[in-house]
Amino acid sequence: ELAADSNGYYIVQFAGPGQEAWIAQVTDLGGELLDYIPD
């Protein structure tokens, strides 16, 4: 586990195919989406 302010790479899995509003939530919270991972 990293410190709260330490950068890292994570997998974020949505409840279904990524909707624009869902992706916007992640980016609004500071996330930078890099690569798609199925599913």
PDB file of all heavy atoms in Angstrom:
ATOM      1  N   GLU A   1       0.830  -1.201   0.000  1.00  0.00           N
ATOM      2  CA  GLU A   1       0.000   0.000   0.000  1.00  0.00           C
ATOM      3  C   GLU A   1       0.866   1.253   0.000  1.00  0.00           C
ATOM      4  O   GLU A   1       1.850   1.359   0.724  1.00  0.00           O
ATOM      5  CB  GLU A   1      -0.906  -0.005   1.234  1.00  0.00           C
ATOM      6  CG  GLU A   1      -1.926   1.119   1.237  1.00  0.00           C
ATOM      7  CD  GLU A   1      -2.879   1.013   2.414  1.00  0.00           C
ATOM      8  OE1 GLU A   1      -2.855  -0.036   3.087  1.00  0.00           O
ATOM      9  OE2 GLU A   1      -3.639   1.957   2.644  1.00  0.00           O
ATOM     10  N   LEU A   2       0.502   2.210  -0.858  1.00  0.00           N
ATOM     11  CA  LEU A   2       1.241   3.455  -0.979  1.00  0.00           C
ATOM     12  C   LEU A   2       0.679   4.515  -0.041  1.00  0.00           C
ATOM     13  O   LEU A   2      -0.466   4.431   0.401  1.00  0.00           O
ATOM     14  CB  LEU A   2       1.177   3.973  -2.420  1.00  0.00           C
ATOM     15  CG  LEU A   2       1.751   3.055  -3.501  1.00  0.00           C
ATOM     16  CD1 LEU A   2       1.452   3.641  -4.883  1.00  0.00           C
ATOM     17  CD2 LEU A   2       3.255   2.879  -3.322  1.00  0.00           C
ATOM     18  N   ALA A   3       1.488   5.533   0.239  1.00  0.00           N
ATOM     19  CA  ALA A   3       0.994   6.673   1.003  1.00  0.00           C
ATOM     20  C   ALA A   3      -0.076   7.390   0.189  1.00  0.00           C
ATOM     21  O   ALA A   3      -0.083   7.330  -1.048  1.00  0.00           O
ATOM     22  CB  ALA A   3       2.152   7.618   1.318  1.00  0.00           C
ATOM     23  N   ALA A   4      -0.966   8.082   0.883  1.00  0.00           N
ATOM     24  CA  ALA A   4      -2.127   8.681   0.211  1.00  0.00           C
ATOM     25  C   ALA A   4      -1.741   9.648  -0.892  1.00  0.00           C
ATOM     26  O   ALA A   4      -2.452   9.778  -1.892  1.00  0.00           O
ATOM     27  CB  ALA A   4      -3.004   9.387   1.248  1.00  0.00           C
ATOM     28  N   ASP A   5      -0.583  10.341  -0.748  1.00  0.00           N
ATOM     29  CA  ASP A   5      -0.193  11.328  -1.745  1.00  0.00           C
ATOM     30  C   ASP A   5       0.832  10.796  -2.739  1.00  0.00           C
ATOM     31  O   ASP A   5       1.387  11.555  -3.542  1.00  0.00           O
ATOM     32  CB  ASP A   5       0.360  12.580  -1.061  1.00  0.00           C
ATOM     33  CG  ASP A   5       1.583  12.281  -0.181  1.00  0.00           C
ATOM     34  OD1 ASP A   5       1.832  11.089   0.090  1.00  0.00           O
ATOM     35  OD2 ASP A   5       2.261  13.240   0.241  1.00  0.00           O
ATOM     36  N   SER A   6       1.105   9.479  -2.700  1.00  0.00           N
ATOM     37  CA  SER A   6       2.082   8.880  -3.606  1.00  0.00           C
ATOM     38  C   SER A   6       1.413   8.465  -4.908  1.00  0.00           C
ATOM     39  O   SER A   6       0.345   7.852  -4.897  1.00  0.00           O
ATOM     40  CB  SER A   6       2.735   7.654  -2.960  1.00  0.00           C
ATOM     41  OG  SER A   6       3.455   8.024  -1.800  1.00  0.00           O
ATOM     42  N   ASN A   7       2.056   8.809  -6.031  1.00  0.00           N
ATOM     43  CA  ASN A   7       1.522   8.402  -7.325  1.00  0.00           C
ATOM     44  C   ASN A   7       1.686   6.909  -7.524  1.00  0.00           C
ATOM     45  O   ASN A   7       2.626   6.288  -7.023  1.00  0.00           O
ATOM     46  CB  ASN A   7       2.245   9.147  -8.448  1.00  0.00           C
ATOM     47  CG  ASN A   7       1.760  10.568  -8.599  1.00  0.00           C
ATOM     48  OD1 ASN A   7       0.572  10.832  -8.472  1.00  0.00           O
ATOM     49  ND2 ASN A   7       2.667  11.493  -8.854  1.00  0.00           N
ATOM     50  N   GLY A   8       0.761   6.344  -8.289  1.00  0.00           N
ATOM     51  CA  GLY A   8       0.819   4.929  -8.611  1.00  0.00           C
ATOM     52  C   GLY A   8      -0.026   4.631  -9.834  1.00  0.00           C
ATOM     53  O   GLY A   8      -0.684   5.514 -10.382  1.00  0.00           O
ATOM     54  N   TYR A   9       0.017   3.389 -10.238  1.00  0.00           N
ATOM     55  CA  TYR A   9      -0.796   2.930 -11.368  1.00  0.00           C
ATOM     56  C   TYR A   9      -1.815   1.924 -10.833  1.00  0.00           C
ATOM     57  O   TYR A   9      -1.456   0.998 -10.110  1.00  0.00           O
ATOM     58  CB  TYR A   9       0.085   2.289 -12.443  1.00  0.00           C
ATOM     59  CG  TYR A   9       0.988   3.285 -13.133  1.00  0.00           C
ATOM     60  CD1 TYR A   9       2.251   3.567 -12.636  1.00  0.00           C
ATOM     61  CD2 TYR A   9       0.568   3.953 -14.284  1.00  0.00           C
ATOM     62  CE1 TYR A   9       3.084   4.490 -13.266  1.00  0.00           C
ATOM     63  CE2 TYR A   9       1.387   4.875 -14.917  1.00  0.00           C
ATOM     64  CZ  TYR A   9       2.648   5.143 -14.400  1.00  0.00           C
ATOM     65  OH  TYR A   9       3.451   6.065 -15.022  1.00  0.00           O
ATOM     66  N   TYR A  10      -3.070   2.128 -11.219  1.00  0.00           N
ATOM     67  CA  TYR A  10      -4.165   1.321 -10.709  1.00  0.00           C
ATOM     68  C   TYR A  10      -5.041   0.830 -11.857  1.00  0.00           C
ATOM     69  O   TYR A  10      -5.045   1.415 -12.946  1.00  0.00           O
ATOM     70  CB  TYR A  10      -5.038   2.138  -9.741  1.00  0.00           C
ATOM     71  CG  TYR A  10      -4.361   2.467  -8.429  1.00  0.00           C
ATOM     72  CD1 TYR A  10      -3.457   3.520  -8.338  1.00  0.00           C
ATOM     73  CD2 TYR A  10      -4.635   1.730  -7.275  1.00  0.00           C
ATOM     74  CE1 TYR A  10      -2.832   3.827  -7.137  1.00  0.00           C
ATOM     75  CE2 TYR A  10      -4.024   2.036  -6.072  1.00  0.00           C
ATOM     76  CZ  TYR A  10      -3.116   3.084  -6.004  1.00  0.00           C
ATOM     77  OH  TYR A  10      -2.507   3.380  -4.818  1.00  0.00           O
ATOM     78  N   ILE A  11      -5.786  -0.238 -11.586  1.00  0.00           N
ATOM     79  CA  ILE A  11      -6.845  -0.679 -12.489  1.00  0.00           C
ATOM     80  C   ILE A  11      -8.165  -0.196 -11.903  1.00  0.00           C
ATOM     81  O   ILE A  11      -8.452  -0.437 -10.727  1.00  0.00           O
ATOM     82  CB  ILE A  11      -6.873  -2.206 -12.631  1.00  0.00           C
ATOM     83  CG1 ILE A  11      -5.561  -2.719 -13.245  1.00  0.00           C
ATOM     84  CG2 ILE A  11      -8.050  -2.645 -13.515  1.00  0.00           C
ATOM     85  CD1 ILE A  11      -5.459  -4.233 -13.293  1.00  0.00           C
ATOM     86  N   VAL A  12      -8.941   0.507 -12.729  1.00  0.00           N
ATOM     87  CA  VAL A  12     -10.274   0.968 -12.330  1.00  0.00           C
ATOM     88  C   VAL A  12     -11.277   0.250 -13.224  1.00  0.00           C
ATOM     89  O   VAL A  12     -11.249   0.410 -14.449  1.00  0.00           O
ATOM     90  CB  VAL A  12     -10.418   2.493 -12.493  1.00  0.00           C
ATOM     91  CG1 VAL A  12     -11.854   2.928 -12.192  1.00  0.00           C
ATOM     92  CG2 VAL A  12      -9.438   3.219 -11.573  1.00  0.00           C
ATOM     93  N   GLN A  13     -12.142  -0.554 -12.609  1.00  0.00           N
ATOM     94  CA  GLN A  13     -13.139  -1.313 -13.369  1.00  0.00           C
ATOM     95  C   GLN A  13     -14.528  -0.734 -13.133  1.00  0.00           C
ATOM     96  O   GLN A  13     -14.961  -0.576 -11.997  1.00  0.00           O
ATOM     97  CB  GLN A  13     -13.119  -2.790 -12.988  1.00  0.00           C
ATOM     98  CG  GLN A  13     -14.019  -3.648 -13.888  1.00  0.00           C
ATOM     99  CD  GLN A  13     -13.970  -5.117 -13.529  1.00  0.00           C
ATOM    100  OE1 GLN A  13     -13.928  -5.483 -12.355  1.00  0.00           O
ATOM    101  NE2 GLN A  13     -13.980  -5.981 -14.542  1.00  0.00           N
ATOM    102  N   PHE A  14     -15.192  -0.434 -14.253  1.00  0.00           N
ATOM    103  CA  PHE A  14     -16.543   0.123 -14.180  1.00  0.00           C
ATOM    104  C   PHE A  14     -17.590  -0.979 -14.128  1.00  0.00           C
ATOM    105  O   PHE A  14     -17.314  -2.153 -14.409  1.00  0.00           O
ATOM    106  CB  PHE A  14     -16.804   1.022 -15.387  1.00  0.00           C
ATOM    107  CG  PHE A  14     -15.981   2.284 -15.400  1.00  0.00           C
ATOM    108  CD1 PHE A  14     -14.937   2.449 -16.300  1.00  0.00           C
ATOM    109  CD2 PHE A  14     -16.255   3.314 -14.511  1.00  0.00           C
ATOM    110  CE1 PHE A  14     -14.184   3.607 -16.317  1.00  0.00           C
ATOM    111  CE2 PHE A  14     -15.505   4.483 -14.515  1.00  0.00           C
ATOM    112  CZ  PHE A  14     -14.458   4.634 -15.419  1.00  0.00           C
ATOM    113  N   ALA A  15     -18.818  -0.583 -13.809  1.00  0.00           N
ATOM    114  CA  ALA A  15     -19.933  -1.521 -13.713  1.00  0.00           C
ATOM    115  C   ALA A  15     -20.385  -2.021 -15.075  1.00  0.00           C
ATOM    116  O   ALA A  15     -21.149  -2.977 -15.160  1.00  0.00           O
ATOM    117  CB  ALA A  15     -21.107  -0.860 -12.991  1.00  0.00           C
ATOM    118  N   GLY A  16     -19.929  -1.404 -16.132  1.00  0.00           N
ATOM    119  CA  GLY A  16     -20.274  -1.793 -17.496  1.00  0.00           C
ATOM    120  C   GLY A  16     -19.346  -1.066 -18.438  1.00  0.00           C
ATOM    121  O   GLY A  16     -18.364  -0.446 -18.012  1.00  0.00           O
ATOM    122  N   PRO A  17     -19.611  -1.128 -19.746  1.00  0.00           N
ATOM    123  CA  PRO A  17     -18.793  -0.374 -20.710  1.00  0.00           C
ATOM    124  C   PRO A  17     -18.722   1.095 -20.305  1.00  0.00           C
ATOM    125  O   PRO A  17     -19.732   1.706 -19.954  1.00  0.00           O
ATOM    126  CB  PRO A  17     -19.548  -0.563 -22.027  1.00  0.00           C
ATOM    127  CG  PRO A  17     -20.260  -1.871 -21.856  1.00  0.00           C
ATOM    128  CD  PRO A  17     -20.664  -1.925 -20.414  1.00  0.00           C
ATOM    129  N   GLY A  18     -17.510   1.637 -20.314  1.00  0.00           N
ATOM    130  CA  GLY A  18     -17.286   2.983 -19.791  1.00  0.00           C
ATOM    131  C   GLY A  18     -18.117   4.060 -20.458  1.00  0.00           C
ATOM    132  O   GLY A  18     -17.963   4.311 -21.652  1.00  0.00           O
ATOM    133  N   GLN A  19     -19.006   4.665 -19.718  1.00  0.00           N
ATOM    134  CA  GLN A  19     -19.797   5.779 -20.222  1.00  0.00           C
ATOM    135  C   GLN A  19     -19.014   7.077 -20.026  1.00  0.00           C
ATOM    136  O   GLN A  19     -18.180   7.187 -19.127  1.00  0.00           O
ATOM    137  CB  GLN A  19     -21.135   5.854 -19.496  1.00  0.00           C
ATOM    138  CG  GLN A  19     -21.996   4.604 -19.654  1.00  0.00           C
ATOM    139  CD  GLN A  19     -23.308   4.729 -18.898  1.00  0.00           C
ATOM    140  OE1 GLN A  19     -23.733   5.822 -18.530  1.00  0.00           O
ATOM    141  NE2 GLN A  19     -23.962   3.593 -18.646  1.00  0.00           N
ATOM    142  N   GLU A  20     -19.294   8.069 -20.869  1.00  0.00           N
ATOM    143  CA  GLU A  20     -18.569   9.335 -20.790  1.00  0.00           C
ATOM    144  C   GLU A  20     -18.676   9.958 -19.397  1.00  0.00           C
ATOM    145  O   GLU A  20     -17.709  10.499 -18.870  1.00  0.00           O
ATOM    146  CB  GLU A  20     -19.097  10.310 -21.847  1.00  0.00           C
ATOM    147  CG  GLU A  20     -18.689   9.948 -23.268  1.00  0.00           C
ATOM    148  CD  GLU A  20     -19.096  11.010 -24.271  1.00  0.00           C
ATOM    149  OE1 GLU A  20     -19.470  12.124 -23.833  1.00  0.00           O
ATOM    150  OE2 GLU A  20     -19.046  10.740 -25.480  1.00  0.00           O
ATOM    151  N   ALA A  21     -19.852   9.877 -18.803  1.00  0.00           N
ATOM    152  CA  ALA A  21     -20.050  10.468 -17.475  1.00  0.00           C
ATOM    153  C   ALA A  21     -19.212   9.740 -16.428  1.00  0.00           C
ATOM    154  O   ALA A  21     -18.659  10.367 -15.517  1.00  0.00           O
ATOM    155  CB  ALA A  21     -21.528  10.432 -17.099  1.00  0.00           C
ATOM    156  N   TRP A  22     -19.113   8.419 -16.540  1.00  0.00           N
ATOM    157  CA  TRP A  22     -18.310   7.648 -15.591  1.00  0.00           C
ATOM    158  C   TRP A  22     -16.838   8.009 -15.723  1.00  0.00           C
ATOM    159  O   TRP A  22     -16.137   8.202 -14.724  1.00  0.00           O
ATOM    160  CB  TRP A  22     -18.508   6.157 -15.819  1.00  0.00           C
ATOM    161  CG  TRP A  22     -19.892   5.650 -15.583  1.00  0.00           C
ATOM    162  CD1 TRP A  22     -20.955   6.363 -15.121  1.00  0.00           C
ATOM    163  CD2 TRP A  22     -20.351   4.312 -15.799  1.00  0.00           C
ATOM    164  NE1 TRP A  22     -22.065   5.550 -15.030  1.00  0.00           N
ATOM    165  CE2 TRP A  22     -21.719   4.280 -15.441  1.00  0.00           C
ATOM    166  CE3 TRP A  22     -19.751   3.146 -16.258  1.00  0.00           C
ATOM    167  CZ2 TRP A  22     -22.484   3.124 -15.535  1.00  0.00           C
ATOM    168  CZ3 TRP A  22     -20.511   1.982 -16.344  1.00  0.00           C
ATOM    169  CH2 TRP A  22     -21.872   1.969 -15.985  1.00  0.00           C
ATOM    170  N   ILE A  23     -16.349   8.063 -16.970  1.00  0.00           N
ATOM    171  CA  ILE A  23     -14.944   8.402 -17.222  1.00  0.00           C
ATOM    172  C   ILE A  23     -14.656   9.812 -16.723  1.00  0.00           C
ATOM    173  O   ILE A  23     -13.598  10.081 -16.136  1.00  0.00           O
ATOM    174  CB  ILE A  23     -14.629   8.250 -18.718  1.00  0.00           C
ATOM    175  CG1 ILE A  23     -14.671   6.753 -19.105  1.00  0.00           C
ATOM    176  CG2 ILE A  23     -13.269   8.856 -19.057  1.00  0.00           C
ATOM    177  CD1 ILE A  23     -14.560   6.493 -20.590  1.00  0.00           C
ATOM    178  N   ALA A  24     -15.613  10.730 -16.934  1.00  0.00           N
ATOM    179  CA  ALA A  24     -15.440  12.106 -16.471  1.00  0.00           C
ATOM    180  C   ALA A  24     -15.311  12.156 -14.958  1.00  0.00           C
ATOM    181  O   ALA A  24     -14.552  12.978 -14.411  1.00  0.00           O
ATOM    182  CB  ALA A  24     -16.614  12.966 -16.939  1.00  0.00           C
ATOM    183  N   GLN A  25     -16.035  11.290 -14.257  1.00  0.00           N
ATOM    184  CA  GLN A  25     -15.918  11.232 -12.794  1.00  0.00           C
ATOM    185  C   GLN A  25     -14.482  10.923 -12.386  1.00  0.00           C
ATOM    186  O   GLN A  25     -13.942  11.533 -11.462  1.00  0.00           O
ATOM    187  CB  GLN A  25     -16.842  10.162 -12.227  1.00  0.00           C
ATOM    188  CG  GLN A  25     -18.288  10.589 -12.040  1.00  0.00           C
ATOM    189  CD  GLN A  25     -19.070   9.502 -11.310  1.00  0.00           C
ATOM    190  OE1 GLN A  25     -18.983   8.321 -11.644  1.00  0.00           O
ATOM    191  NE2 GLN A  25     -19.819   9.900 -10.306  1.00  0.00           N
ATOM    192  N   VAL A  26     -13.872   9.952 -13.062  1.00  0.00           N
ATOM    193  CA  VAL A  26     -12.504   9.544 -12.733  1.00  0.00           C
ATOM    194  C   VAL A  26     -11.524  10.678 -13.026  1.00  0.00           C
ATOM    195  O   VAL A  26     -10.658  10.998 -12.204  1.00  0.00           O
ATOM    196  CB  VAL A  26     -12.118   8.271 -13.513  1.00  0.00           C
ATOM    197  CG1 VAL A  26     -10.631   7.947 -13.323  1.00  0.00           C
ATOM    198  CG2 VAL A  26     -12.969   7.090 -13.059  1.00  0.00           C
ATOM    199  N   THR A  27     -11.644  11.306 -14.186  1.00  0.00           N
ATOM    200  CA  THR A  27     -10.723  12.391 -14.537  1.00  0.00           C
ATOM    201  C   THR A  27     -10.948  13.607 -13.637  1.00  0.00           C
ATOM    202  O   THR A  27      -9.994  14.295 -13.270  1.00  0.00           O
ATOM    203  CB  THR A  27     -10.874  12.779 -16.017  1.00  0.00           C
ATOM    204  OG1 THR A  27     -12.234  13.118 -16.289  1.00  0.00           O
ATOM    205  CG2 THR A  27     -10.470  11.618 -16.919  1.00  0.00           C
ATOM    206  N   ASP A  28     -12.194  13.865 -13.260  1.00  0.00           N
ATOM    207  CA  ASP A  28     -12.478  14.990 -12.362  1.00  0.00           C
ATOM    208  C   ASP A  28     -11.838  14.783 -10.990  1.00  0.00           C
ATOM    209  O   ASP A  28     -11.510  15.754 -10.288  1.00  0.00           O
ATOM    210  CB  ASP A  28     -13.982  15.188 -12.199  1.00  0.00           C
ATOM    211  CG  ASP A  28     -14.642  15.768 -13.446  1.00  0.00           C
ATOM    212  OD1 ASP A  28     -13.909  16.242 -14.337  1.00  0.00           O
ATOM    213  OD2 ASP A  28     -15.880  15.728 -13.535  1.00  0.00           O
ATOM    214  N   LEU A  29     -11.673  13.521 -10.604  1.00  0.00           N
ATOM    215  CA  LEU A  29     -11.047  13.209  -9.321  1.00  0.00           C
ATOM    216  C   LEU A  29      -9.518  13.132  -9.430  1.00  0.00           C
ATOM    217  O   LEU A  29      -8.844  12.785  -8.453  1.00  0.00           O
ATOM    218  CB  LEU A  29     -11.596  11.889  -8.774  1.00  0.00           C
ATOM    219  CG  LEU A  29     -13.035  11.949  -8.239  1.00  0.00           C
ATOM    220  CD1 LEU A  29     -13.571  10.551  -7.945  1.00  0.00           C
ATOM    221  CD2 LEU A  29     -13.106  12.819  -6.985  1.00  0.00           C
ATOM    222  N   GLY A  30      -8.991  13.448 -10.630  1.00  0.00           N
ATOM    223  CA  GLY A  30      -7.549  13.505 -10.809  1.00  0.00           C
ATOM    224  C   GLY A  30      -6.939  12.322 -11.529  1.00  0.00           C
ATOM    225  O   GLY A  30      -5.712  12.267 -11.697  1.00  0.00           O
ATOM    226  N   GLY A  31      -7.755  11.357 -11.966  1.00  0.00           N
ATOM    227  CA  GLY A  31      -7.232  10.179 -12.648  1.00  0.00           C
ATOM    228  C   GLY A  31      -6.831  10.464 -14.084  1.00  0.00           C
ATOM    229  O   GLY A  31      -7.488  11.238 -14.777  1.00  0.00           O
ATOM    230  N   GLU A  32      -5.753   9.850 -14.525  1.00  0.00           N
ATOM    231  CA  GLU A  32      -5.294   9.943 -15.919  1.00  0.00           C
ATOM    232  C   GLU A  32      -5.414   8.559 -16.557  1.00  0.00           C
ATOM    233  O   GLU A  32      -4.653   7.650 -16.226  1.00  0.00           O
ATOM    234  CB  GLU A  32      -3.855  10.436 -15.980  1.00  0.00           C
ATOM    235  CG  GLU A  32      -3.333  10.620 -17.394  1.00  0.00           C
ATOM    236  CD  GLU A  32      -1.881  11.062 -17.427  1.00  0.00           C
ATOM    237  OE1 GLU A  32      -1.276  11.254 -16.351  1.00  0.00           O
ATOM    238  OE2 GLU A  32      -1.339  11.195 -18.545  1.00  0.00           O
ATOM    239  N   LEU A  33      -6.390   8.383 -17.447  1.00  0.00           N
ATOM    240  CA  LEU A  33      -6.620   7.093 -18.086  1.00  0.00           C
ATOM    241  C   LEU A  33      -5.554   6.843 -19.148  1.00  0.00           C
ATOM    242  O   LEU A  33      -5.326   7.688 -20.018  1.00  0.00           O
ATOM    243  CB  LEU A  33      -8.016   7.030 -18.710  1.00  0.00           C
ATOM    244  CG  LEU A  33      -9.176   6.685 -17.753  1.00  0.00           C
ATOM    245  CD1 LEU A  33      -9.414   7.793 -16.750  1.00  0.00           C
ATOM    246  CD2 LEU A  33     -10.451   6.409 -18.540  1.00  0.00           C
ATOM    247  N   LEU A  34      -4.920   5.668 -19.080  1.00  0.00           N
ATOM    248  CA  LEU A  34      -3.818   5.350 -19.984  1.00  0.00           C
ATOM    249  C   LEU A  34      -4.168   4.272 -20.994  1.00  0.00           C
ATOM    250  O   LEU A  34      -4.023   4.467 -22.190  1.00  0.00           O
ATOM    251  CB  LEU A  34      -2.591   4.925 -19.168  1.00  0.00           C
ATOM    252  CG  LEU A  34      -2.033   5.988 -18.209  1.00  0.00           C
ATOM    253  CD1 LEU A  34      -0.925   5.392 -17.352  1.00  0.00           C
ATOM    254  CD2 LEU A  34      -1.517   7.187 -18.987  1.00  0.00           C
ATOM    255  N   ASP A  35      -4.601   3.119 -20.530  1.00  0.00           N
ATOM    256  CA  ASP A  35      -4.856   1.980 -21.419  1.00  0.00           C
ATOM    257  C   ASP A  35      -6.159   1.295 -21.027  1.00  0.00           C
ATOM    258  O   ASP A  35      -6.470   1.175 -19.837  1.00  0.00           O
ATOM    259  CB  ASP A  35      -3.707   0.958 -21.335  1.00  0.00           C
ATOM    260  CG  ASP A  35      -2.360   1.564 -21.663  1.00  0.00           C
ATOM    261  OD1 ASP A  35      -2.192   2.033 -22.790  1.00  0.00           O
ATOM    262  OD2 ASP A  35      -1.489   1.568 -20.770  1.00  0.00           O
ATOM    263  N   TYR A  36      -6.870   0.796 -22.046  1.00  0.00           N
ATOM    264  CA  TYR A  36      -8.068  -0.003 -21.767  1.00  0.00           C
ATOM    265  C   TYR A  36      -7.657  -1.418 -21.399  1.00  0.00           C
ATOM    266  O   TYR A  36      -6.720  -1.994 -21.973  1.00  0.00           O
ATOM    267  CB  TYR A  36      -8.987  -0.048 -22.989  1.00  0.00           C
ATOM    268  CG  TYR A  36     -10.177  -0.971 -22.790  1.00  0.00           C
ATOM    269  CD1 TYR A  36     -11.240  -0.593 -21.979  1.00  0.00           C
ATOM    270  CD2 TYR A  36     -10.201  -2.235 -23.377  1.00  0.00           C
ATOM    271  CE1 TYR A  36     -12.310  -1.443 -21.762  1.00  0.00           C
ATOM    272  CE2 TYR A  36     -11.273  -3.085 -23.175  1.00  0.00           C
ATOM    273  CZ  TYR A  36     -12.323  -2.692 -22.361  1.00  0.00           C
ATOM    274  OH  TYR A  36     -13.379  -3.538 -22.149  1.00  0.00           O
ATOM    275  N   ILE A  37      -8.357  -1.995 -20.425  1.00  0.00           N
ATOM    276  CA  ILE A  37      -8.141  -3.378 -20.007  1.00  0.00           C
ATOM    277  C   ILE A  37      -9.493  -4.081 -20.024  1.00  0.00           C
ATOM    278  O   ILE A  37     -10.436  -3.623 -19.359  1.00  0.00           O
ATOM    279  CB  ILE A  37      -7.540  -3.451 -18.586  1.00  0.00           C
ATOM    280  CG1 ILE A  37      -6.157  -2.791 -18.546  1.00  0.00           C
ATOM    281  CG2 ILE A  37      -7.444  -4.904 -18.115  1.00  0.00           C
ATOM    282  CD1 ILE A  37      -5.570  -2.682 -17.152  1.00  0.00           C
ATOM    283  N   PRO A  38      -9.642  -5.152 -20.783  1.00  0.00           N
ATOM    284  CA  PRO A  38     -10.915  -5.888 -20.746  1.00  0.00           C
ATOM    285  C   PRO A  38     -11.051  -6.632 -19.411  1.00  0.00           C
ATOM    286  O   PRO A  38     -10.050  -7.081 -18.863  1.00  0.00           O
ATOM    287  CB  PRO A  38     -10.775  -6.868 -21.910  1.00  0.00           C
ATOM    288  CG  PRO A  38      -9.305  -7.009 -22.151  1.00  0.00           C
ATOM    289  CD  PRO A  38      -8.672  -5.721 -21.734  1.00  0.00           C
ATOM    290  N   ASP A  39     -12.279  -6.685 -18.854  1.00  0.00           N
ATOM    291  CA  ASP A  39     -13.504  -6.118 -19.355  1.00  0.00           C
ATOM    292  C   ASP A  39     -13.829  -4.845 -18.573  1.00  0.00           C
ATOM    293  O   ASP A  39     -13.794  -4.843 -17.339  1.00  0.00           O
ATOM    294  CB  ASP A  39     -14.654  -7.102 -19.161  1.00  0.00           C
ATOM    295  CG  ASP A  39     -14.582  -8.331 -20.066  1.00  0.00           C
ATOM    296  OD1 ASP A  39     -13.690  -8.387 -20.927  1.00  0.00           O
ATOM    297  OD2 ASP A  39     -15.398  -9.246 -19.877  1.00  0.00           O
TER     298      ASP A  39
END
